[in-house]
Structure formats: C-alpha cells, structure tokens
Amino acid sequence: MNLVPYKYTVARQGSPDLDKALGVSDSSGPKKSVIIVSEFIGCSPSLSGAIRVNPWDINSVAEAMVSGITMLDSEKELRHEKHYKYVVSHDVAYWARSFHQDLERACSGHYRKRCWGIGFGLNFRVVALGPNFRKLSVEHIVSAYNSTNSRLILLDYDGTMMPPDRVDKSPSPEVISVLNSLCNDPKNVVFIISGRGKDSLGKWFSQCEKLGLSAEHGYFTRESCELAVDMDWKTIALPVMEHYTEATDGSSIEQKESALVWHHQEADPDFGLWQAKELLDHLESVLANDPVVVKSGQQIVEVKPQGVSKGVVVKNLLETMKNTGKPADFVLCIGDDRSDEDMFEAISSSITSRSLPDTTEVFVCTVGQKPSMAKYYLDDTFEVIKMLQGLSAVSAQQSSSKSGLA
C-alpha cells in the first residue's frame, strides 16, 4: 500500500511543537489540503475525500489538478478533516486489532469441525465439516422406515439418482424398478424434484405412474403444468447467453419453459468457471429490474422466475400432507448440489417452526462429502440406489406379511 497520501495529510495537519520549532506562525487556524490519487493504489478506497484519477488518462489528471487548485477553501478544510480523522484512527495498532478480530471470526468454531482433504493435485482442497455430519447408516434409516406410516421421500435426479458423468441421462431399469416399488407402498409419497424440463422427466418416468414429478426446480408438477408468468425477460437474457456460448467452446444453452440454463461442463474448467462468473455479473446487471433470479450452480448459470425453488415445493408437500390429516412421520430428502440446499433449508425451517411433529424421523442427505445443511451423506449414486433398495425391500416385506394374514 502506498502511504504517501497518509503522510501528506499528517504533514499538512502539523503540530504546535513542530510549528514552534520551525518558527511557523499562526498555525492554529483551520488546516486544509487536497489529495489527487491514482485509482490503482491500495489506499485509494480509504480516502473518500480524495480526487481519484486514472494516471494513464492525461486529460482526467489535468482536470483533477484544475479542480484541486480552484477548489474552495471550505471544501479543502472539510476534505482534510475527514482524511486526518481517518489516518489518526486507523494506525498500525488498529490494523493489528482488526486483523486479529477477523482471524478469530473466521476461525470461530473450527475446533468443533472435522477437516478432510479432498481431490488431487490442483483440485486438492481442505473441507471443514460439522461434528454431526456423518454417513447415513442404512440400518438406522431402515429401522425408522419400518416403524412409520406416513412417509415423504424427496429425491433430486442428476447427480443423485444418476451419475453426473453419464452420457445417457435417462434412468436405468434399476432406478425405475426401485421407484415403482416405493411408490406402490400406500404409506409413501415419493417425488422427484429436479431442474430438468417437464418433457424430459415425463418421458423418462412415464412407467412410474404413482411417482410425483416436480420439474424445473418446482415450476411444474405432474398434476398441473400451466402457469401464467411474465417471460419477457427471456428476450434479454438469451442474447447475452448466446454471446457467451459463442465465446466459450464446449458451453451450451438449455431453454426450458420457465428458465434458461447456461452449461459449461464440457468447456475448459478454468475458462468455463471464469466465463460463468462474468455471465452471472452480466445477467444480474441487465435483469436487475425483472422479476427473476440469477443463480450459479454446479457448472451452470441459471435464470428463472422469482419464487420458484425446490424449497417451495417441499414446504407445499409438507403442508398438503398435514392438511389432509396425514402429517409426515418420516421424511427422506436427498440431493447433491446447491439448488438442493433449498430443500434442506425448507425441512430445517419446518422442524424449527414445529410444522413437522417432534416425533418425525428426518433424514436430510447430500451426495458426497462437502459443506451442506444436510446432516447425513452418501458417497455416490450407487449408495443412494442401494439404500433405496433397502427401503423398498421393507415395503415389499410389509406387503407380503399383510397378504399372508389376509
């Protein structure tokens, strides 16, 4: 940081002892000063009264000098007073204290967390996880499942039911089988809540007639697919996305009825991430006055109407079950990315507000070990399917037991 402007401010302020030693008279009057600083130096943001310039722009530097020379004395006094108060109050001791406070704030609670090293090479990172974050025990959830009678099962699709790197995005026969088995249990309400479009989900899960579907982060459900919402924002967002698609090899645009999604999974990882950040800022700027939300996700940037999220779907489902006289006594929610955190948060708020009974067995689970609002994790989609098969086996066993008694 260039501290010359600070030194100049202190020098202009002076002191009675120094003025006396130098033989300067009438030093008790108001002090005044004008500072012109480059907008590139470190202290520029701290000196709010300074005139900031681009040093490479000769005309702007000349204009700043003229402005400083012709400035009224009263204005110079106010600017000097503001700068001097800041300089004397933000000394080395202040910086040391604030640094120590920031360090304590950043590290508070770390001793209660477990740290894990994830990835290799340049992708290696250390992740701090809460002490209660643990792997979901199949035996534990099967026991809770077996003893409950009004169950809500909420599942994400991409990265949860299907591996993220799989080329064929349609569900496997194994997935269809386990979902049908769960849906055939009259005690279960099973929903796939995905960011995928309604046409794709409807086609893929056409064999699961009892399965609830919520497409495009809850914008559409299988029961109702007609909503009247202003979509004029698409004419603004689409050209911007097309521009970034042309500039980013491997990127693509997914046009949904309710949203636009820019994908960069197949682009260069570093450049794709950089472009995603630029696109996010660009879209937030041009759509600031439109009723939409711009979000970044797992290798995507998405624009969608406000008030649409997976969390809203979860709250509505829990409320519907409660209003029909069958409040959920078992809730299982599994997801893998940032949009699924809305579901986790909705369930957490339902517990806090006591919308869910205290006796409800709640299993909020993320796929992979990473910071999350979820309490449990499973390592991959294989473990998710295996766990669901365990639950479906319990349903089949209960069904056969009833048939035997009949």
Protein backbone atom coordinates (compact mmCIF):
# COMPACT_ATOMS: atom_id res chain seq x y z
CA MET A 1 0.00 0.00 0.00
CA ASN A 2 1.29 3.47 -0.91
CA LEU A 3 1.18 5.52 2.32
CA VAL A 4 2.42 8.83 0.89
CA PRO A 5 -1.12 10.36 0.93
CA TYR A 6 -1.37 9.48 4.64
CA LYS A 7 1.98 11.12 5.37
CA TYR A 8 0.98 14.18 3.38
CA THR A 9 -2.24 14.51 5.40
CA VAL A 10 -0.37 14.33 8.73
CA ALA A 11 2.23 16.81 7.47
CA ARG A 12 -0.48 19.28 6.45
CA GLN A 13 -2.07 18.95 9.89
CA GLY A 14 1.24 19.67 11.63
CA SER A 15 1.59 20.09 15.41
CA PRO A 16 2.12 23.11 17.73
CA ASP A 17 5.52 21.86 18.92
CA LEU A 18 6.78 21.26 15.39
CA ASP A 19 5.47 24.61 14.17
CA LYS A 20 7.19 26.35 17.07
CA ALA A 21 10.48 24.61 16.34
CA LEU A 22 10.23 25.58 12.67
CA GLY A 23 9.26 29.13 13.50
CA VAL A 24 5.92 28.89 11.73
CA SER A 25 3.44 31.47 12.98
CA ASP A 26 -0.36 31.43 13.04
CA SER A 27 -0.58 27.66 12.86
CA SER A 28 -3.73 27.41 14.95
CA GLY A 29 -6.07 28.13 12.05
CA PRO A 30 -8.07 25.52 10.13
CA LYS A 31 -6.00 23.09 8.10
CA LYS A 32 -6.76 22.32 4.51
CA SER A 33 -5.44 20.01 1.84
CA VAL A 34 -6.34 18.40 -1.47
CA ILE A 35 -5.21 14.93 -2.48
CA ILE A 36 -5.19 13.54 -6.01
CA VAL A 37 -4.55 9.78 -6.04
CA SER A 38 -4.36 7.06 -8.62
CA GLU A 39 -7.38 4.78 -8.51
CA PHE A 40 -4.96 1.83 -8.66
CA ILE A 41 -3.10 2.35 -5.37
CA GLY A 42 -4.11 0.49 -2.23
CA CYS A 43 -5.08 3.47 -0.09
CA SER A 44 -7.43 4.92 -2.72
CA PRO A 45 -10.62 3.27 -1.32
CA SER A 46 -9.79 4.55 2.19
CA LEU A 47 -9.55 8.23 1.28
CA SER A 48 -13.13 9.09 0.42
CA GLY A 49 -12.38 12.79 0.05
CA ALA A 50 -9.56 12.35 -2.45
CA ILE A 51 -9.89 13.02 -6.16
CA ARG A 52 -9.32 9.67 -7.88
CA VAL A 53 -7.88 9.53 -11.39
CA ASN A 54 -6.61 7.07 -13.93
CA PRO A 55 -2.93 8.09 -14.15
CA TRP A 56 -2.78 6.90 -17.76
CA ASP A 57 -5.53 9.32 -18.78
CA ILE A 58 -3.72 12.65 -19.20
CA ASN A 59 -6.90 14.67 -19.65
CA SER A 60 -8.52 13.35 -16.45
CA VAL A 61 -5.31 14.07 -14.49
CA ALA A 62 -5.25 17.63 -15.83
CA GLU A 63 -8.93 18.13 -14.95
CA ALA A 64 -8.31 16.80 -11.43
CA MET A 65 -5.42 19.23 -10.94
CA VAL A 66 -7.56 22.16 -12.08
CA SER A 67 -10.35 21.02 -9.75
CA GLY A 68 -7.93 20.82 -6.81
CA ILE A 69 -6.41 24.24 -7.46
CA THR A 70 -9.74 26.02 -7.89
CA MET A 71 -11.49 24.25 -5.01
CA LEU A 72 -13.00 26.48 -2.33
CA ASP A 73 -11.09 26.72 0.96
CA SER A 74 -14.13 25.49 2.89
CA GLU A 75 -14.23 22.33 0.75
CA LYS A 76 -10.49 21.79 1.26
CA GLU A 77 -10.94 22.08 5.03
CA LEU A 78 -13.76 19.51 5.07
CA ARG A 79 -11.78 17.03 2.97
CA HIS A 80 -8.67 17.49 5.09
CA GLU A 81 -10.61 17.00 8.33
CA LYS A 82 -12.16 13.78 7.01
CA HIS A 83 -8.79 12.40 5.90
CA TYR A 84 -7.00 13.34 9.11
CA LYS A 85 -9.62 11.70 11.33
CA TYR A 86 -9.31 8.51 9.32
CA VAL A 87 -5.49 8.47 9.34
CA VAL A 88 -5.09 9.05 13.09
CA SER A 89 -7.76 6.47 13.99
CA HIS A 90 -6.53 3.77 11.62
CA ASP A 91 -2.97 3.32 12.76
CA VAL A 92 -0.85 0.16 13.00
CA ALA A 93 -2.42 -0.79 16.33
CA TYR A 94 -5.90 -0.53 14.82
CA TRP A 95 -4.86 -2.69 11.86
CA ALA A 96 -3.38 -5.33 14.18
CA ARG A 97 -6.55 -5.42 16.31
CA SER A 98 -8.87 -5.65 13.33
CA PHE A 99 -6.73 -8.36 11.72
CA HIS A 100 -6.82 -10.36 14.95
CA GLN A 101 -10.61 -9.95 15.23
CA ASP A 102 -11.12 -11.03 11.62
CA LEU A 103 -8.89 -14.04 12.17
CA GLU A 104 -10.82 -15.06 15.28
CA ARG A 105 -14.13 -14.58 13.49
CA ALA A 106 -13.01 -16.68 10.52
CA CYS A 107 -11.75 -19.48 12.75
CA SER A 108 -14.53 -19.46 15.33
CA GLY A 109 -15.99 -22.91 15.72
CA HIS A 110 -13.22 -24.62 13.76
CA TYR A 111 -12.25 -26.71 16.78
CA ARG A 112 -15.71 -28.30 16.61
CA LYS A 113 -15.33 -29.31 12.98
CA ARG A 114 -13.63 -32.19 11.23
CA CYS A 115 -11.31 -31.40 8.34
CA TRP A 116 -10.97 -33.61 5.29
CA GLY A 117 -8.60 -33.44 2.34
CA ILE A 118 -10.47 -33.89 -0.93
CA GLY A 119 -9.16 -34.17 -4.50
CA PHE A 120 -5.71 -34.45 -6.02
CA GLY A 121 -3.14 -32.03 -7.45
CA LEU A 122 -4.55 -28.61 -8.29
CA ASN A 123 -8.03 -29.78 -7.29
CA PHE A 124 -6.96 -30.65 -3.73
CA ARG A 125 -8.78 -28.71 -1.02
CA VAL A 126 -9.48 -29.00 2.69
CA VAL A 127 -13.14 -29.07 3.68
CA ALA A 128 -14.33 -28.42 7.24
CA LEU A 129 -17.42 -30.42 8.16
CA GLY A 130 -19.64 -30.16 11.23
CA PRO A 131 -19.26 -32.68 14.05
CA ASN A 132 -22.77 -34.08 13.44
CA PHE A 133 -22.21 -34.59 9.71
CA ARG A 134 -21.88 -38.33 9.21
CA LYS A 135 -22.54 -41.11 6.76
CA LEU A 136 -26.14 -42.29 6.58
CA SER A 137 -26.50 -45.69 8.19
CA VAL A 138 -28.71 -47.99 6.12
CA GLU A 139 -29.65 -49.97 9.23
CA HIS A 140 -30.73 -46.78 11.02
CA ILE A 141 -32.94 -45.47 8.22
CA VAL A 142 -34.44 -48.90 7.51
CA SER A 143 -35.42 -49.22 11.18
CA ALA A 144 -37.08 -45.78 11.15
CA TYR A 145 -38.78 -46.52 7.81
CA ASN A 146 -40.20 -49.78 9.14
CA SER A 147 -41.82 -48.11 12.16
CA THR A 148 -43.53 -45.18 10.38
CA ASN A 149 -46.79 -44.88 8.44
CA SER A 150 -46.81 -41.54 6.60
CA ARG A 151 -43.60 -41.13 4.65
CA LEU A 152 -42.38 -38.37 2.33
CA ILE A 153 -39.44 -39.25 0.07
CA LEU A 154 -37.87 -36.38 -1.91
CA LEU A 155 -35.18 -37.11 -4.48
CA ASP A 156 -33.09 -34.99 -6.80
CA TYR A 157 -32.27 -36.61 -10.16
CA ASP A 158 -28.97 -35.51 -11.73
CA GLY A 159 -26.07 -36.48 -9.50
CA THR A 160 -28.39 -38.24 -7.05
CA MET A 161 -30.24 -40.95 -8.95
CA MET A 162 -27.96 -40.76 -11.98
CA PRO A 163 -24.14 -40.38 -12.10
CA PRO A 164 -23.23 -36.84 -13.25
CA ASP A 165 -20.73 -38.09 -15.85
CA ARG A 166 -23.12 -40.48 -17.56
CA VAL A 167 -23.81 -39.65 -21.22
CA ASP A 168 -27.28 -41.25 -21.35
CA LYS A 169 -29.33 -39.14 -18.96
CA SER A 170 -32.38 -41.43 -18.87
CA PRO A 171 -32.94 -43.54 -15.72
CA SER A 172 -31.78 -47.14 -15.69
CA PRO A 173 -34.24 -50.04 -15.31
CA GLU A 174 -32.84 -50.45 -11.79
CA VAL A 175 -33.91 -46.90 -10.88
CA ILE A 176 -37.38 -47.34 -12.41
CA SER A 177 -37.83 -50.60 -10.50
CA VAL A 178 -36.90 -49.21 -7.09
CA LEU A 179 -39.05 -46.09 -7.59
CA ASN A 180 -42.10 -48.16 -8.57
CA SER A 181 -41.55 -50.38 -5.56
CA LEU A 182 -41.51 -47.37 -3.23
CA CYS A 183 -44.49 -45.72 -4.94
CA ASN A 184 -46.60 -48.88 -4.65
CA ASP A 185 -46.41 -48.66 -0.86
CA PRO A 186 -49.57 -46.75 0.20
CA LYS A 187 -47.67 -45.27 3.14
CA ASN A 188 -45.28 -43.42 0.80
CA VAL A 189 -45.40 -40.15 -1.09
CA VAL A 190 -42.44 -40.16 -3.49
CA PHE A 191 -41.33 -37.13 -5.52
CA ILE A 192 -38.53 -36.46 -7.97
CA ILE A 193 -37.69 -32.74 -7.67
CA SER A 194 -35.33 -31.77 -10.46
CA GLY A 195 -34.11 -28.86 -12.52
CA ARG A 196 -34.83 -30.87 -15.66
CA GLY A 197 -37.64 -29.86 -18.01
CA LYS A 198 -41.11 -31.38 -17.65
CA ASP A 199 -40.97 -33.08 -21.06
CA SER A 200 -37.76 -34.93 -20.21
CA LEU A 201 -38.95 -36.04 -16.78
CA GLY A 202 -42.38 -37.01 -18.11
CA LYS A 203 -40.82 -39.15 -20.81
CA TRP A 204 -38.21 -40.80 -18.60
CA PHE A 205 -40.60 -41.63 -15.76
CA SER A 206 -43.69 -42.48 -17.80
CA GLN A 207 -43.53 -46.01 -16.35
CA CYS A 208 -43.81 -44.65 -12.79
CA GLU A 209 -47.47 -43.63 -12.72
CA LYS A 210 -47.60 -43.07 -8.95
CA LEU A 211 -44.38 -41.05 -8.84
CA GLY A 212 -44.72 -37.33 -8.20
CA LEU A 213 -42.66 -35.13 -10.51
CA SER A 214 -41.60 -31.54 -9.95
CA ALA A 215 -39.75 -30.14 -12.96
CA GLU A 216 -37.64 -27.02 -13.40
CA HIS A 217 -37.00 -26.57 -9.67
CA GLY A 218 -40.69 -26.74 -8.82
CA TYR A 219 -42.11 -24.57 -11.59
CA PHE A 220 -44.12 -27.51 -12.96
CA THR A 221 -45.62 -30.58 -11.31
CA ARG A 222 -47.10 -33.66 -12.92
CA GLU A 223 -50.57 -32.65 -11.73
CA SER A 224 -50.52 -29.11 -13.14
CA CYS A 225 -48.36 -27.73 -15.91
CA GLU A 226 -50.00 -24.38 -16.61
CA LEU A 227 -48.74 -21.20 -15.03
CA ALA A 228 -49.12 -17.64 -16.26
CA VAL A 229 -45.85 -15.82 -15.66
CA ASP A 230 -44.16 -12.92 -17.43
CA MET A 231 -41.42 -14.35 -19.67
CA ASP A 232 -40.34 -11.15 -21.44
CA TRP A 233 -37.01 -11.35 -19.62
CA LYS A 234 -36.01 -14.22 -21.92
CA THR A 235 -35.61 -11.81 -24.84
CA ILE A 236 -32.95 -10.00 -22.79
CA ALA A 237 -31.18 -12.99 -21.23
CA LEU A 238 -30.99 -15.26 -24.27
CA PRO A 239 -28.82 -12.98 -26.48
CA VAL A 240 -26.41 -12.49 -23.57
CA MET A 241 -26.11 -16.25 -23.08
CA GLU A 242 -25.67 -16.78 -26.82
CA HIS A 243 -22.77 -14.32 -26.81
CA TYR A 244 -21.01 -16.22 -24.01
CA THR A 245 -21.74 -19.54 -25.73
CA GLU A 246 -20.01 -18.35 -28.89
CA ALA A 247 -17.01 -17.20 -26.85
CA THR A 248 -16.77 -20.38 -24.73
CA ASP A 249 -16.05 -23.58 -26.59
CA GLY A 250 -17.91 -26.53 -25.08
CA SER A 251 -20.68 -24.46 -23.49
CA SER A 252 -24.37 -24.72 -24.36
CA ILE A 253 -27.77 -23.21 -23.57
CA GLU A 254 -30.72 -25.22 -22.28
CA GLN A 255 -34.03 -23.49 -22.94
CA LYS A 256 -36.78 -24.54 -20.54
CA GLU A 257 -40.31 -23.21 -20.44
CA SER A 258 -39.63 -21.43 -17.18
CA ALA A 259 -35.88 -20.89 -17.25
CA LEU A 260 -32.68 -20.51 -19.25
CA VAL A 261 -29.61 -22.50 -18.23
CA TRP A 262 -26.06 -21.98 -19.48
CA HIS A 263 -23.96 -25.16 -19.14
CA HIS A 264 -20.15 -25.26 -19.19
CA GLN A 265 -19.46 -28.88 -18.15
CA GLU A 266 -17.60 -29.61 -21.38
CA ALA A 267 -15.67 -26.34 -21.54
CA ASP A 268 -12.15 -25.83 -20.23
CA PRO A 269 -12.60 -25.97 -16.41
CA ASP A 270 -10.76 -22.74 -15.58
CA PHE A 271 -12.02 -20.71 -18.54
CA GLY A 272 -15.55 -22.07 -18.10
CA LEU A 273 -15.59 -21.01 -14.45
CA TRP A 274 -14.26 -17.57 -15.35
CA GLN A 275 -16.88 -17.11 -18.07
CA ALA A 276 -19.62 -18.31 -15.70
CA LYS A 277 -18.70 -15.59 -13.20
CA GLU A 278 -18.66 -12.96 -15.94
CA LEU A 279 -22.03 -14.16 -17.27
CA LEU A 280 -23.53 -14.13 -13.78
CA ASP A 281 -22.50 -10.50 -13.25
CA HIS A 282 -23.68 -9.53 -16.74
CA LEU A 283 -27.11 -11.11 -16.30
CA GLU A 284 -27.61 -9.65 -12.83
CA SER A 285 -26.90 -6.22 -14.31
CA VAL A 286 -29.21 -6.39 -17.34
CA LEU A 287 -32.03 -8.18 -15.46
CA ALA A 288 -31.91 -6.05 -12.31
CA ASN A 289 -35.44 -4.71 -12.88
CA ASP A 290 -37.03 -8.01 -13.96
CA PRO A 291 -38.84 -10.48 -11.61
CA VAL A 292 -36.18 -13.16 -11.97
CA VAL A 293 -33.38 -14.79 -10.01
CA VAL A 294 -29.91 -15.37 -11.46
CA LYS A 295 -28.01 -18.22 -9.80
CA SER A 296 -24.85 -20.18 -10.38
CA GLY A 297 -24.85 -23.91 -9.72
CA GLN A 298 -22.76 -26.95 -10.47
CA GLN A 299 -21.20 -25.89 -13.80
CA ILE A 300 -24.30 -23.88 -14.74
CA VAL A 301 -25.69 -20.36 -14.66
CA GLU A 302 -29.47 -20.26 -14.46
CA VAL A 303 -32.12 -17.56 -14.83
CA LYS A 304 -35.59 -18.38 -13.52
CA PRO A 305 -38.66 -16.53 -12.20
CA GLN A 306 -38.68 -15.37 -8.59
CA GLY A 307 -40.43 -17.54 -6.04
CA VAL A 308 -39.52 -20.78 -7.82
CA SER A 309 -37.33 -23.17 -5.86
CA LYS A 310 -37.17 -26.73 -4.66
CA GLY A 311 -37.69 -25.44 -1.13
CA VAL A 312 -41.14 -24.07 -2.02
CA VAL A 313 -42.13 -27.50 -3.38
CA VAL A 314 -41.05 -29.19 -0.15
CA LYS A 315 -42.99 -26.74 2.02
CA ASN A 316 -46.12 -27.22 -0.10
CA LEU A 317 -45.88 -31.01 0.09
CA LEU A 318 -45.43 -30.98 3.87
CA GLU A 319 -48.35 -28.58 4.25
CA THR A 320 -50.57 -30.68 1.97
CA MET A 321 -49.86 -33.85 3.95
CA LYS A 322 -50.62 -32.00 7.19
CA ASN A 323 -53.90 -30.56 5.86
CA THR A 324 -55.09 -33.98 4.69
CA GLY A 325 -54.73 -35.37 8.19
CA LYS A 326 -51.61 -37.40 7.42
CA PRO A 327 -48.64 -35.33 8.61
CA ALA A 328 -45.32 -36.87 7.65
CA ASP A 329 -43.73 -39.00 10.36
CA PHE A 330 -40.81 -39.92 8.08
CA VAL A 331 -39.00 -37.53 5.72
CA LEU A 332 -36.13 -38.55 3.47
CA CYS A 333 -34.57 -35.87 1.26
CA ILE A 334 -31.51 -36.50 -0.93
CA GLY A 335 -29.71 -34.07 -3.26
CA ASP A 336 -26.24 -33.25 -4.44
CA ASP A 337 -25.91 -29.61 -5.50
CA ARG A 338 -26.60 -26.05 -4.42
CA SER A 339 -30.25 -25.99 -5.54
CA ASP A 340 -30.96 -28.94 -3.25
CA GLU A 341 -29.85 -26.87 -0.27
CA ASP A 342 -33.20 -25.06 -0.64
CA MET A 343 -34.94 -28.36 0.15
CA PHE A 344 -32.70 -28.96 3.14
CA GLU A 345 -33.35 -25.45 4.43
CA ALA A 346 -37.13 -25.84 3.99
CA ILE A 347 -37.12 -29.04 6.05
CA SER A 348 -34.94 -27.43 8.71
CA SER A 349 -37.27 -24.43 8.99
CA SER A 350 -40.28 -26.77 9.21
CA ILE A 351 -38.66 -28.50 12.17
CA THR A 352 -37.83 -25.18 13.84
CA SER A 353 -41.35 -23.81 13.34
CA ARG A 354 -42.82 -27.13 14.51
CA SER A 355 -44.69 -27.62 11.24
CA LEU A 356 -43.37 -31.17 11.47
CA PRO A 357 -44.26 -33.24 14.56
CA ASP A 358 -41.44 -33.66 17.07
CA THR A 359 -41.58 -37.42 16.57
CA THR A 360 -40.91 -37.19 12.82
CA GLU A 361 -37.92 -39.19 11.63
CA VAL A 362 -35.97 -36.79 9.37
CA PHE A 363 -33.10 -37.85 7.12
CA VAL A 364 -31.61 -34.99 5.08
CA CYS A 365 -28.77 -36.36 2.99
CA THR A 366 -26.30 -34.96 0.45
CA VAL A 367 -24.31 -36.95 -2.09
CA GLY A 368 -20.59 -36.63 -1.42
CA GLN A 369 -18.69 -35.14 1.50
CA LYS A 370 -18.96 -31.35 1.27
CA PRO A 371 -20.23 -28.41 3.32
CA SER A 372 -24.01 -28.71 3.41
CA MET A 373 -27.09 -28.10 5.53
CA ALA A 374 -27.65 -31.85 5.36
CA LYS A 375 -26.93 -33.94 8.44
CA TYR A 376 -26.00 -37.08 6.52
CA TYR A 377 -24.13 -38.01 3.37
CA LEU A 378 -23.78 -40.92 0.98
CA ASP A 379 -20.67 -41.22 -1.16
CA ASP A 380 -22.23 -41.64 -4.62
CA THR A 381 -25.32 -42.54 -6.63
CA PHE A 382 -24.59 -46.25 -6.23
CA GLU A 383 -25.01 -45.94 -2.46
CA VAL A 384 -28.21 -43.90 -2.93
CA ILE A 385 -29.78 -46.63 -5.08
CA LYS A 386 -28.59 -49.33 -2.69
CA MET A 387 -30.17 -47.52 0.26
CA LEU A 388 -33.47 -47.03 -1.62
CA GLN A 389 -33.49 -50.71 -2.50
CA GLY A 390 -33.20 -51.46 1.21
CA LEU A 391 -36.29 -49.33 1.87
CA SER A 392 -38.23 -50.93 -0.98
CA ALA A 393 -37.38 -54.35 0.44
CA VAL A 394 -39.05 -53.33 3.72
CA SER A 395 -42.16 -52.20 1.81
CA ALA A 396 -42.26 -55.50 -0.07
CA GLN A 397 -41.87 -57.44 3.17
CA GLN A 398 -44.69 -55.50 4.86
CA SER A 399 -46.93 -56.05 1.82
CA SER A 400 -46.28 -59.80 1.77
CA SER A 401 -46.93 -60.00 5.52
CA LYS A 402 -50.34 -58.36 5.08
CA SER A 403 -51.13 -60.71 2.18
CA GLY A 404 -50.23 -63.70 4.36
CA LEU A 405 -52.50 -62.50 7.17
CA ALA A 406 -55.35 -61.97 4.71
